[in-house]
Amino acid sequence: TNPSSISYVEEDVRKRLLAGQAAFASN
């Protein structure tokens, strides 16, 4: 897990998922 993810907001999660940089998102 990316250590920065603990401070992500929804938009950060969406950007990572769209870029293929996240395996999952609970959103």
mmCIF file of all heavy atoms, coordinates in Angstrom:
data_MODEL
# 
_entry.id   MODEL 
# 
loop_
_atom_site.group_PDB 
_atom_site.id 
_atom_site.type_symbol 
_atom_site.label_atom_id 
_atom_site.label_alt_id 
_atom_site.label_comp_id 
_atom_site.label_asym_id 
_atom_site.label_entity_id 
_atom_site.label_seq_id 
_atom_site.pdbx_PDB_ins_code 
_atom_site.Cartn_x 
_atom_site.Cartn_y 
_atom_site.Cartn_z 
_atom_site.occupancy 
_atom_site.B_iso_or_equiv 
_atom_site.pdbx_formal_charge 
_atom_site.auth_seq_id 
_atom_site.auth_comp_id 
_atom_site.auth_asym_id 
_atom_site.auth_atom_id 
_atom_site.pdbx_PDB_model_num 
ATOM 1   N N   . THR A 1 1  ? 0.841   -1.187 0.000   1.00 0.00 ? 1  THR A N   1 
ATOM 2   C CA  . THR A 1 1  ? 0.000   0.000  0.000   1.00 0.00 ? 1  THR A CA  1 
ATOM 3   C C   . THR A 1 1  ? 0.880   1.242  0.000   1.00 0.00 ? 1  THR A C   1 
ATOM 4   O O   . THR A 1 1  ? 1.857   1.312  0.748   1.00 0.00 ? 1  THR A O   1 
ATOM 5   C CB  . THR A 1 1  ? -0.919  0.005  1.242   1.00 0.00 ? 1  THR A CB  1 
ATOM 6   O OG1 . THR A 1 1  ? -1.742  -1.168 1.214   1.00 0.00 ? 1  THR A OG1 1 
ATOM 7   C CG2 . THR A 1 1  ? -1.811  1.233  1.279   1.00 0.00 ? 1  THR A CG2 1 
ATOM 8   N N   . ASN A 1 2  ? 0.527   2.209  -0.820  1.00 0.00 ? 2  ASN A N   1 
ATOM 9   C CA  . ASN A 1 2  ? 1.253   3.475  -0.872  1.00 0.00 ? 2  ASN A CA  1 
ATOM 10  C C   . ASN A 1 2  ? 1.065   4.206  0.456   1.00 0.00 ? 2  ASN A C   1 
ATOM 11  O O   . ASN A 1 2  ? -0.070  4.481  0.847   1.00 0.00 ? 2  ASN A O   1 
ATOM 12  C CB  . ASN A 1 2  ? 0.708   4.315  -2.028  1.00 0.00 ? 2  ASN A CB  1 
ATOM 13  C CG  . ASN A 1 2  ? 1.413   5.630  -2.195  1.00 0.00 ? 2  ASN A CG  1 
ATOM 14  O OD1 . ASN A 1 2  ? 2.027   6.147  -1.280  1.00 0.00 ? 2  ASN A OD1 1 
ATOM 15  N ND2 . ASN A 1 2  ? 1.304   6.182  -3.385  1.00 0.00 ? 2  ASN A ND2 1 
ATOM 16  N N   . PRO A 1 3  ? 2.137   4.537  1.165   1.00 0.00 ? 3  PRO A N   1 
ATOM 17  C CA  . PRO A 1 3  ? 1.999   5.230  2.444   1.00 0.00 ? 3  PRO A CA  1 
ATOM 18  C C   . PRO A 1 3  ? 1.252   6.561  2.332   1.00 0.00 ? 3  PRO A C   1 
ATOM 19  O O   . PRO A 1 3  ? 0.583   6.977  3.271   1.00 0.00 ? 3  PRO A O   1 
ATOM 20  C CB  . PRO A 1 3  ? 3.440   5.473  2.896   1.00 0.00 ? 3  PRO A CB  1 
ATOM 21  C CG  . PRO A 1 3  ? 4.274   4.543  2.103   1.00 0.00 ? 3  PRO A CG  1 
ATOM 22  C CD  . PRO A 1 3  ? 3.533   4.273  0.827   1.00 0.00 ? 3  PRO A CD  1 
ATOM 23  N N   . SER A 1 4  ? 1.329   7.211  1.197   1.00 0.00 ? 4  SER A N   1 
ATOM 24  C CA  . SER A 1 4  ? 0.620   8.483  1.005   1.00 0.00 ? 4  SER A CA  1 
ATOM 25  C C   . SER A 1 4  ? -0.892  8.291  0.968   1.00 0.00 ? 4  SER A C   1 
ATOM 26  O O   . SER A 1 4  ? -1.646  9.240  1.171   1.00 0.00 ? 4  SER A O   1 
ATOM 27  C CB  . SER A 1 4  ? 1.059   9.148  -0.295  1.00 0.00 ? 4  SER A CB  1 
ATOM 28  O OG  . SER A 1 4  ? 2.433   9.428  -0.264  1.00 0.00 ? 4  SER A OG  1 
ATOM 29  N N   . SER A 1 5  ? -1.349  7.080  0.715   1.00 0.00 ? 5  SER A N   1 
ATOM 30  C CA  . SER A 1 5  ? -2.781  6.833  0.551   1.00 0.00 ? 5  SER A CA  1 
ATOM 31  C C   . SER A 1 5  ? -3.586  7.111  1.813   1.00 0.00 ? 5  SER A C   1 
ATOM 32  O O   . SER A 1 5  ? -4.793  7.322  1.728   1.00 0.00 ? 5  SER A O   1 
ATOM 33  C CB  . SER A 1 5  ? -3.033  5.404  0.080   1.00 0.00 ? 5  SER A CB  1 
ATOM 34  O OG  . SER A 1 5  ? -2.690  4.475  1.093   1.00 0.00 ? 5  SER A OG  1 
ATOM 35  N N   . ILE A 1 6  ? -2.955  7.136  2.956   1.00 0.00 ? 6  ILE A N   1 
ATOM 36  C CA  . ILE A 1 6  ? -3.713  7.394  4.184   1.00 0.00 ? 6  ILE A CA  1 
ATOM 37  C C   . ILE A 1 6  ? -4.256  8.822  4.235   1.00 0.00 ? 6  ILE A C   1 
ATOM 38  O O   . ILE A 1 6  ? -5.161  9.106  5.000   1.00 0.00 ? 6  ILE A O   1 
ATOM 39  C CB  . ILE A 1 6  ? -2.904  7.074  5.452   1.00 0.00 ? 6  ILE A CB  1 
ATOM 40  C CG1 . ILE A 1 6  ? -1.668  7.966  5.562   1.00 0.00 ? 6  ILE A CG1 1 
ATOM 41  C CG2 . ILE A 1 6  ? -2.536  5.608  5.500   1.00 0.00 ? 6  ILE A CG2 1 
ATOM 42  C CD1 . ILE A 1 6  ? -0.942  7.862  6.878   1.00 0.00 ? 6  ILE A CD1 1 
ATOM 43  N N   . SER A 1 7  ? -3.728  9.694  3.389   1.00 0.00 ? 7  SER A N   1 
ATOM 44  C CA  . SER A 1 7  ? -4.224  11.071 3.359   1.00 0.00 ? 7  SER A CA  1 
ATOM 45  C C   . SER A 1 7  ? -4.965  11.391 2.058   1.00 0.00 ? 7  SER A C   1 
ATOM 46  O O   . SER A 1 7  ? -5.336  12.542 1.825   1.00 0.00 ? 7  SER A O   1 
ATOM 47  C CB  . SER A 1 7  ? -3.068  12.058 3.553   1.00 0.00 ? 7  SER A CB  1 
ATOM 48  O OG  . SER A 1 7  ? -2.149  11.954 2.484   1.00 0.00 ? 7  SER A OG  1 
ATOM 49  N N   . TYR A 1 8  ? -5.196  10.400 1.208   1.00 0.00 ? 8  TYR A N   1 
ATOM 50  C CA  . TYR A 1 8  ? -5.889  10.625 -0.062  1.00 0.00 ? 8  TYR A CA  1 
ATOM 51  C C   . TYR A 1 8  ? -7.338  11.045 0.162   1.00 0.00 ? 8  TYR A C   1 
ATOM 52  O O   . TYR A 1 8  ? -8.013  10.559 1.061   1.00 0.00 ? 8  TYR A O   1 
ATOM 53  C CB  . TYR A 1 8  ? -5.913  9.360  -0.913  1.00 0.00 ? 8  TYR A CB  1 
ATOM 54  C CG  . TYR A 1 8  ? -4.641  9.018  -1.625  1.00 0.00 ? 8  TYR A CG  1 
ATOM 55  C CD1 . TYR A 1 8  ? -4.555  7.845  -2.359  1.00 0.00 ? 8  TYR A CD1 1 
ATOM 56  C CD2 . TYR A 1 8  ? -3.523  9.825  -1.575  1.00 0.00 ? 8  TYR A CD2 1 
ATOM 57  C CE1 . TYR A 1 8  ? -3.395  7.501  -3.031  1.00 0.00 ? 8  TYR A CE1 1 
ATOM 58  C CE2 . TYR A 1 8  ? -2.363  9.488  -2.237  1.00 0.00 ? 8  TYR A CE2 1 
ATOM 59  C CZ  . TYR A 1 8  ? -2.305  8.324  -2.967  1.00 0.00 ? 8  TYR A CZ  1 
ATOM 60  O OH  . TYR A 1 8  ? -1.161  7.988  -3.614  1.00 0.00 ? 8  TYR A OH  1 
ATOM 61  N N   . VAL A 1 9  ? -7.810  11.915 -0.713  1.00 0.00 ? 9  VAL A N   1 
ATOM 62  C CA  . VAL A 1 9  ? -9.229  12.233 -0.808  1.00 0.00 ? 9  VAL A CA  1 
ATOM 63  C C   . VAL A 1 9  ? -9.753  11.499 -2.037  1.00 0.00 ? 9  VAL A C   1 
ATOM 64  O O   . VAL A 1 9  ? -8.987  10.908 -2.803  1.00 0.00 ? 9  VAL A O   1 
ATOM 65  C CB  . VAL A 1 9  ? -9.465  13.761 -0.892  1.00 0.00 ? 9  VAL A CB  1 
ATOM 66  C CG1 . VAL A 1 9  ? -9.022  14.452 0.387   1.00 0.00 ? 9  VAL A CG1 1 
ATOM 67  C CG2 . VAL A 1 9  ? -8.773  14.359 -2.104  1.00 0.00 ? 9  VAL A CG2 1 
ATOM 68  N N   . GLU A 1 10 ? -11.066 11.534 -2.250  1.00 0.00 ? 10 GLU A N   1 
ATOM 69  C CA  . GLU A 1 10 ? -11.674 10.762 -3.338  1.00 0.00 ? 10 GLU A CA  1 
ATOM 70  C C   . GLU A 1 10 ? -11.021 11.014 -4.689  1.00 0.00 ? 10 GLU A C   1 
ATOM 71  O O   . GLU A 1 10 ? -10.812 10.086 -5.472  1.00 0.00 ? 10 GLU A O   1 
ATOM 72  C CB  . GLU A 1 10 ? -13.166 11.065 -3.413  1.00 0.00 ? 10 GLU A CB  1 
ATOM 73  C CG  . GLU A 1 10 ? -13.918 10.566 -2.214  1.00 0.00 ? 10 GLU A CG  1 
ATOM 74  C CD  . GLU A 1 10 ? -15.273 11.211 -2.083  1.00 0.00 ? 10 GLU A CD  1 
ATOM 75  O OE1 . GLU A 1 10 ? -15.698 11.946 -2.998  1.00 0.00 ? 10 GLU A OE1 1 
ATOM 76  O OE2 . GLU A 1 10 ? -15.911 10.988 -1.049  1.00 0.00 ? 10 GLU A OE2 1 
ATOM 77  N N   . GLU A 1 11 ? -10.703 12.249 -4.986  1.00 0.00 ? 11 GLU A N   1 
ATOM 78  C CA  . GLU A 1 11 ? -10.112 12.589 -6.284  1.00 0.00 ? 11 GLU A CA  1 
ATOM 79  C C   . GLU A 1 11 ? -8.733  11.937 -6.448  1.00 0.00 ? 11 GLU A C   1 
ATOM 80  O O   . GLU A 1 11 ? -8.382  11.478 -7.535  1.00 0.00 ? 11 GLU A O   1 
ATOM 81  C CB  . GLU A 1 11 ? -10.021 14.107 -6.446  1.00 0.00 ? 11 GLU A CB  1 
ATOM 82  C CG  . GLU A 1 11 ? -9.568  14.558 -7.804  1.00 0.00 ? 11 GLU A CG  1 
ATOM 83  C CD  . GLU A 1 11 ? -10.535 14.218 -8.930  1.00 0.00 ? 11 GLU A CD  1 
ATOM 84  O OE1 . GLU A 1 11 ? -11.660 13.753 -8.684  1.00 0.00 ? 11 GLU A OE1 1 
ATOM 85  O OE2 . GLU A 1 11 ? -10.134 14.408 -10.097 1.00 0.00 ? 11 GLU A OE2 1 
ATOM 86  N N   . ASP A 1 12 ? -7.950  11.868 -5.377  1.00 0.00 ? 12 ASP A N   1 
ATOM 87  C CA  . ASP A 1 12 ? -6.644  11.205 -5.432  1.00 0.00 ? 12 ASP A CA  1 
ATOM 88  C C   . ASP A 1 12 ? -6.807  9.723  -5.760  1.00 0.00 ? 12 ASP A C   1 
ATOM 89  O O   . ASP A 1 12 ? -6.069  9.167  -6.573  1.00 0.00 ? 12 ASP A O   1 
ATOM 90  C CB  . ASP A 1 12 ? -5.907  11.335 -4.097  1.00 0.00 ? 12 ASP A CB  1 
ATOM 91  C CG  . ASP A 1 12 ? -5.609  12.766 -3.706  1.00 0.00 ? 12 ASP A CG  1 
ATOM 92  O OD1 . ASP A 1 12 ? -5.339  13.584 -4.611  1.00 0.00 ? 12 ASP A OD1 1 
ATOM 93  O OD2 . ASP A 1 12 ? -5.641  13.053 -2.499  1.00 0.00 ? 12 ASP A OD2 1 
ATOM 94  N N   . VAL A 1 13 ? -7.788  9.097  -5.128  1.00 0.00 ? 13 VAL A N   1 
ATOM 95  C CA  . VAL A 1 13 ? -8.063  7.672  -5.369  1.00 0.00 ? 13 VAL A CA  1 
ATOM 96  C C   . VAL A 1 13 ? -8.480  7.457  -6.819  1.00 0.00 ? 13 VAL A C   1 
ATOM 97  O O   . VAL A 1 13 ? -7.988  6.555  -7.499  1.00 0.00 ? 13 VAL A O   1 
ATOM 98  C CB  . VAL A 1 13 ? -9.154  7.146  -4.411  1.00 0.00 ? 13 VAL A CB  1 
ATOM 99  C CG1 . VAL A 1 13 ? -9.521  5.717  -4.736  1.00 0.00 ? 13 VAL A CG1 1 
ATOM 100 C CG2 . VAL A 1 13 ? -8.702  7.273  -2.959  1.00 0.00 ? 13 VAL A CG2 1 
ATOM 101 N N   . ARG A 1 14 ? -9.373  8.303  -7.311  1.00 0.00 ? 14 ARG A N   1 
ATOM 102 C CA  . ARG A 1 14 ? -9.850  8.175  -8.695  1.00 0.00 ? 14 ARG A CA  1 
ATOM 103 C C   . ARG A 1 14 ? -8.698  8.297  -9.678  1.00 0.00 ? 14 ARG A C   1 
ATOM 104 O O   . ARG A 1 14 ? -8.569  7.495  -10.604 1.00 0.00 ? 14 ARG A O   1 
ATOM 105 C CB  . ARG A 1 14 ? -10.910 9.234  -8.999  1.00 0.00 ? 14 ARG A CB  1 
ATOM 106 C CG  . ARG A 1 14 ? -11.525 9.082  -10.394 1.00 0.00 ? 14 ARG A CG  1 
ATOM 107 C CD  . ARG A 1 14 ? -12.404 10.258 -10.738 1.00 0.00 ? 14 ARG A CD  1 
ATOM 108 N NE  . ARG A 1 14 ? -11.657 11.494 -10.887 1.00 0.00 ? 14 ARG A NE  1 
ATOM 109 C CZ  . ARG A 1 14 ? -10.944 11.827 -11.975 1.00 0.00 ? 14 ARG A CZ  1 
ATOM 110 N NH1 . ARG A 1 14 ? -10.848 10.995 -12.991 1.00 0.00 ? 14 ARG A NH1 1 
ATOM 111 N NH2 . ARG A 1 14 ? -10.303 12.972 -12.032 1.00 0.00 ? 14 ARG A NH2 1 
ATOM 112 N N   . LYS A 1 15 ? -7.825  9.266  -9.471  1.00 0.00 ? 15 LYS A N   1 
ATOM 113 C CA  . LYS A 1 15 ? -6.692  9.464  -10.383 1.00 0.00 ? 15 LYS A CA  1 
ATOM 114 C C   . LYS A 1 15 ? -5.776  8.237  -10.392 1.00 0.00 ? 15 LYS A C   1 
ATOM 115 O O   . LYS A 1 15 ? -5.297  7.829  -11.453 1.00 0.00 ? 15 LYS A O   1 
ATOM 116 C CB  . LYS A 1 15 ? -5.896  10.700 -9.985  1.00 0.00 ? 15 LYS A CB  1 
ATOM 117 C CG  . LYS A 1 15 ? -6.592  11.995 -10.298 1.00 0.00 ? 15 LYS A CG  1 
ATOM 118 C CD  . LYS A 1 15 ? -5.770  13.179 -9.821  1.00 0.00 ? 15 LYS A CD  1 
ATOM 119 C CE  . LYS A 1 15 ? -6.453  14.490 -10.066 1.00 0.00 ? 15 LYS A CE  1 
ATOM 120 N NZ  . LYS A 1 15 ? -5.662  15.626 -9.539  1.00 0.00 ? 15 LYS A NZ  1 
ATOM 121 N N   . ARG A 1 16 ? -5.498  7.677  -9.238  1.00 0.00 ? 16 ARG A N   1 
ATOM 122 C CA  . ARG A 1 16 ? -4.619  6.507  -9.156  1.00 0.00 ? 16 ARG A CA  1 
ATOM 123 C C   . ARG A 1 16 ? -5.247  5.295  -9.842  1.00 0.00 ? 16 ARG A C   1 
ATOM 124 O O   . ARG A 1 16 ? -4.587  4.556  -10.546 1.00 0.00 ? 16 ARG A O   1 
ATOM 125 C CB  . ARG A 1 16 ? -4.284  6.149  -7.706  1.00 0.00 ? 16 ARG A CB  1 
ATOM 126 C CG  . ARG A 1 16 ? -3.541  7.203  -6.918  1.00 0.00 ? 16 ARG A CG  1 
ATOM 127 C CD  . ARG A 1 16 ? -2.177  7.508  -7.537  1.00 0.00 ? 16 ARG A CD  1 
ATOM 128 N NE  . ARG A 1 16 ? -1.417  8.470  -6.775  1.00 0.00 ? 16 ARG A NE  1 
ATOM 129 C CZ  . ARG A 1 16 ? -1.549  9.792  -6.864  1.00 0.00 ? 16 ARG A CZ  1 
ATOM 130 N NH1 . ARG A 1 16 ? -2.443  10.311 -7.647  1.00 0.00 ? 16 ARG A NH1 1 
ATOM 131 N NH2 . ARG A 1 16 ? -0.788  10.598 -6.163  1.00 0.00 ? 16 ARG A NH2 1 
ATOM 132 N N   . LEU A 1 17 ? -6.561  5.119  -9.630  1.00 0.00 ? 17 LEU A N   1 
ATOM 133 C CA  . LEU A 1 17 ? -7.251  3.987  -10.245 1.00 0.00 ? 17 LEU A CA  1 
ATOM 134 C C   . LEU A 1 17 ? -7.303  4.141  -11.766 1.00 0.00 ? 17 LEU A C   1 
ATOM 135 O O   . LEU A 1 17 ? -7.021  3.185  -12.489 1.00 0.00 ? 17 LEU A O   1 
ATOM 136 C CB  . LEU A 1 17 ? -8.658  3.849  -9.665  1.00 0.00 ? 17 LEU A CB  1 
ATOM 137 C CG  . LEU A 1 17 ? -9.376  2.542  -9.949  1.00 0.00 ? 17 LEU A CG  1 
ATOM 138 C CD1 . LEU A 1 17 ? -8.603  1.351  -9.396  1.00 0.00 ? 17 LEU A CD1 1 
ATOM 139 C CD2 . LEU A 1 17 ? -10.780 2.562  -9.384  1.00 0.00 ? 17 LEU A CD2 1 
ATOM 140 N N   . LEU A 1 18 ? -7.611  5.331  -12.271 1.00 0.00 ? 18 LEU A N   1 
ATOM 141 C CA  . LEU A 1 18 ? -7.640  5.567  -13.714 1.00 0.00 ? 18 LEU A CA  1 
ATOM 142 C C   . LEU A 1 18 ? -6.277  5.316  -14.359 1.00 0.00 ? 18 LEU A C   1 
ATOM 143 O O   . LEU A 1 18 ? -6.202  4.847  -15.488 1.00 0.00 ? 18 LEU A O   1 
ATOM 144 C CB  . LEU A 1 18 ? -8.069  7.003  -14.021 1.00 0.00 ? 18 LEU A CB  1 
ATOM 145 C CG  . LEU A 1 18 ? -9.530  7.212  -14.404 1.00 0.00 ? 18 LEU A CG  1 
ATOM 146 C CD1 . LEU A 1 18 ? -10.400 7.300  -13.183 1.00 0.00 ? 18 LEU A CD1 1 
ATOM 147 C CD2 . LEU A 1 18 ? -9.677  8.439  -15.244 1.00 0.00 ? 18 LEU A CD2 1 
ATOM 148 N N   . ALA A 1 19 ? -5.224  5.629  -13.628 1.00 0.00 ? 19 ALA A N   1 
ATOM 149 C CA  . ALA A 1 19 ? -3.869  5.454  -14.157 1.00 0.00 ? 19 ALA A CA  1 
ATOM 150 C C   . ALA A 1 19 ? -3.374  4.018  -14.029 1.00 0.00 ? 19 ALA A C   1 
ATOM 151 O O   . ALA A 1 19 ? -2.272  3.705  -14.466 1.00 0.00 ? 19 ALA A O   1 
ATOM 152 C CB  . ALA A 1 19 ? -2.909  6.393  -13.433 1.00 0.00 ? 19 ALA A CB  1 
ATOM 153 N N   . GLY A 1 20 ? -4.178  3.143  -13.435 1.00 0.00 ? 20 GLY A N   1 
ATOM 154 C CA  . GLY A 1 20 ? -3.750  1.764  -13.245 1.00 0.00 ? 20 GLY A CA  1 
ATOM 155 C C   . GLY A 1 20 ? -2.726  1.623  -12.129 1.00 0.00 ? 20 GLY A C   1 
ATOM 156 O O   . GLY A 1 20 ? -1.984  0.666  -12.078 1.00 0.00 ? 20 GLY A O   1 
ATOM 157 N N   . GLN A 1 21 ? -2.698  2.575  -11.201 1.00 0.00 ? 21 GLN A N   1 
ATOM 158 C CA  . GLN A 1 21 ? -1.735  2.570  -10.105 1.00 0.00 ? 21 GLN A CA  1 
ATOM 159 C C   . GLN A 1 21 ? -2.326  2.068  -8.797  1.00 0.00 ? 21 GLN A C   1 
ATOM 160 O O   . GLN A 1 21 ? -1.665  2.141  -7.769  1.00 0.00 ? 21 GLN A O   1 
ATOM 161 C CB  . GLN A 1 21 ? -1.174  3.977  -9.903  1.00 0.00 ? 21 GLN A CB  1 
ATOM 162 C CG  . GLN A 1 21 ? -0.432  4.497  -11.101 1.00 0.00 ? 21 GLN A CG  1 
ATOM 163 C CD  . GLN A 1 21 ? -0.053  5.956  -10.962 1.00 0.00 ? 21 GLN A CD  1 
ATOM 164 O OE1 . GLN A 1 21 ? -0.590  6.686  -10.138 1.00 0.00 ? 21 GLN A OE1 1 
ATOM 165 N NE2 . GLN A 1 21 ? 0.884   6.382  -11.782 1.00 0.00 ? 21 GLN A NE2 1 
ATOM 166 N N   . ALA A 1 22 ? -3.555  1.595  -8.834  1.00 0.00 ? 22 ALA A N   1 
ATOM 167 C CA  . ALA A 1 22 ? -4.210  1.055  -7.637  1.00 0.00 ? 22 ALA A CA  1 
ATOM 168 C C   . ALA A 1 22 ? -4.920  -0.235 -8.012  1.00 0.00 ? 22 ALA A C   1 
ATOM 169 O O   . ALA A 1 22 ? -5.541  -0.325 -9.073  1.00 0.00 ? 22 ALA A O   1 
ATOM 170 C CB  . ALA A 1 22 ? -5.201  2.061  -7.070  1.00 0.00 ? 22 ALA A CB  1 
ATOM 171 N N   . ALA A 1 23 ? -4.823  -1.219 -7.150  1.00 0.00 ? 23 ALA A N   1 
ATOM 172 C CA  . ALA A 1 23 ? -5.476  -2.500 -7.407  1.00 0.00 ? 23 ALA A CA  1 
ATOM 173 C C   . ALA A 1 23 ? -6.957  -2.462 -7.074  1.00 0.00 ? 23 ALA A C   1 
ATOM 174 O O   . ALA A 1 23 ? -7.757  -3.186 -7.660  1.00 0.00 ? 23 ALA A O   1 
ATOM 175 C CB  . ALA A 1 23 ? -4.807  -3.602 -6.589  1.00 0.00 ? 23 ALA A CB  1 
ATOM 176 N N   . PHE A 1 24 ? -7.320  -1.620 -6.119  1.00 0.00 ? 24 PHE A N   1 
ATOM 177 C CA  . PHE A 1 24 ? -8.725  -1.509 -5.746  1.00 0.00 ? 24 PHE A CA  1 
ATOM 178 C C   . PHE A 1 24 ? -8.980  -0.159 -5.099  1.00 0.00 ? 24 PHE A C   1 
ATOM 179 O O   . PHE A 1 24 ? -8.054  0.533  -4.699  1.00 0.00 ? 24 PHE A O   1 
ATOM 180 C CB  . PHE A 1 24 ? -9.155  -2.635 -4.801  1.00 0.00 ? 24 PHE A CB  1 
ATOM 181 C CG  . PHE A 1 24 ? -8.396  -2.651 -3.506  1.00 0.00 ? 24 PHE A CG  1 
ATOM 182 C CD1 . PHE A 1 24 ? -8.846  -1.939 -2.409  1.00 0.00 ? 24 PHE A CD1 1 
ATOM 183 C CD2 . PHE A 1 24 ? -7.234  -3.402 -3.368  1.00 0.00 ? 24 PHE A CD2 1 
ATOM 184 C CE1 . PHE A 1 24 ? -8.153  -1.955 -1.212  1.00 0.00 ? 24 PHE A CE1 1 
ATOM 185 C CE2 . PHE A 1 24 ? -6.536  -3.427 -2.175  1.00 0.00 ? 24 PHE A CE2 1 
ATOM 186 C CZ  . PHE A 1 24 ? -7.002  -2.692 -1.091  1.00 0.00 ? 24 PHE A CZ  1 
ATOM 187 N N   . ALA A 1 25 ? -10.269 0.175  -5.009  1.00 0.00 ? 25 ALA A N   1 
ATOM 188 C CA  . ALA A 1 25 ? -10.678 1.402  -4.335  1.00 0.00 ? 25 ALA A CA  1 
ATOM 189 C C   . ALA A 1 25 ? -12.024 1.151  -3.686  1.00 0.00 ? 25 ALA A C   1 
ATOM 190 O O   . ALA A 1 25 ? -12.924 0.599  -4.308  1.00 0.00 ? 25 ALA A O   1 
ATOM 191 C CB  . ALA A 1 25 ? -10.792 2.552  -5.335  1.00 0.00 ? 25 ALA A CB  1 
ATOM 192 N N   . SER A 1 26 ? -12.134 1.515  -2.452  1.00 0.00 ? 26 SER A N   1 
ATOM 193 C CA  . SER A 1 26 ? -13.434 1.425  -1.774  1.00 0.00 ? 26 SER A CA  1 
ATOM 194 C C   . SER A 1 26 ? -14.036 2.821  -1.817  1.00 0.00 ? 26 SER A C   1 
ATOM 195 O O   . SER A 1 26 ? -13.751 3.666  -0.986  1.00 0.00 ? 26 SER A O   1 
ATOM 196 C CB  . SER A 1 26 ? -13.266 0.926  -0.339  1.00 0.00 ? 26 SER A CB  1 
ATOM 197 O OG  . SER A 1 26 ? -12.376 1.751  0.374   1.00 0.00 ? 26 SER A OG  1 
ATOM 198 N N   . ASN A 1 27 ? -14.811 3.051  -2.844  1.00 0.00 ? 27 ASN A N   1 
ATOM 199 C CA  . ASN A 1 27 ? -15.316 4.391  -3.086  1.00 0.00 ? 27 ASN A CA  1 
ATOM 200 C C   . ASN A 1 27 ? -16.713 4.327  -3.667  1.00 0.00 ? 27 ASN A C   1 
ATOM 201 O O   . ASN A 1 27 ? -17.255 3.254  -3.893  1.00 0.00 ? 27 ASN A O   1 
ATOM 202 C CB  . ASN A 1 27 ? -14.360 5.132  -4.032  1.00 0.00 ? 27 ASN A CB  1 
ATOM 203 C CG  . ASN A 1 27 ? -14.215 6.587  -3.688  1.00 0.00 ? 27 ASN A CG  1 
ATOM 204 O OD1 . ASN A 1 27 ? -15.168 7.243  -3.332  1.00 0.00 ? 27 ASN A OD1 1 
ATOM 205 N ND2 . ASN A 1 27 ? -13.008 7.089  -3.784  1.00 0.00 ? 27 ASN A ND2 1 
# 
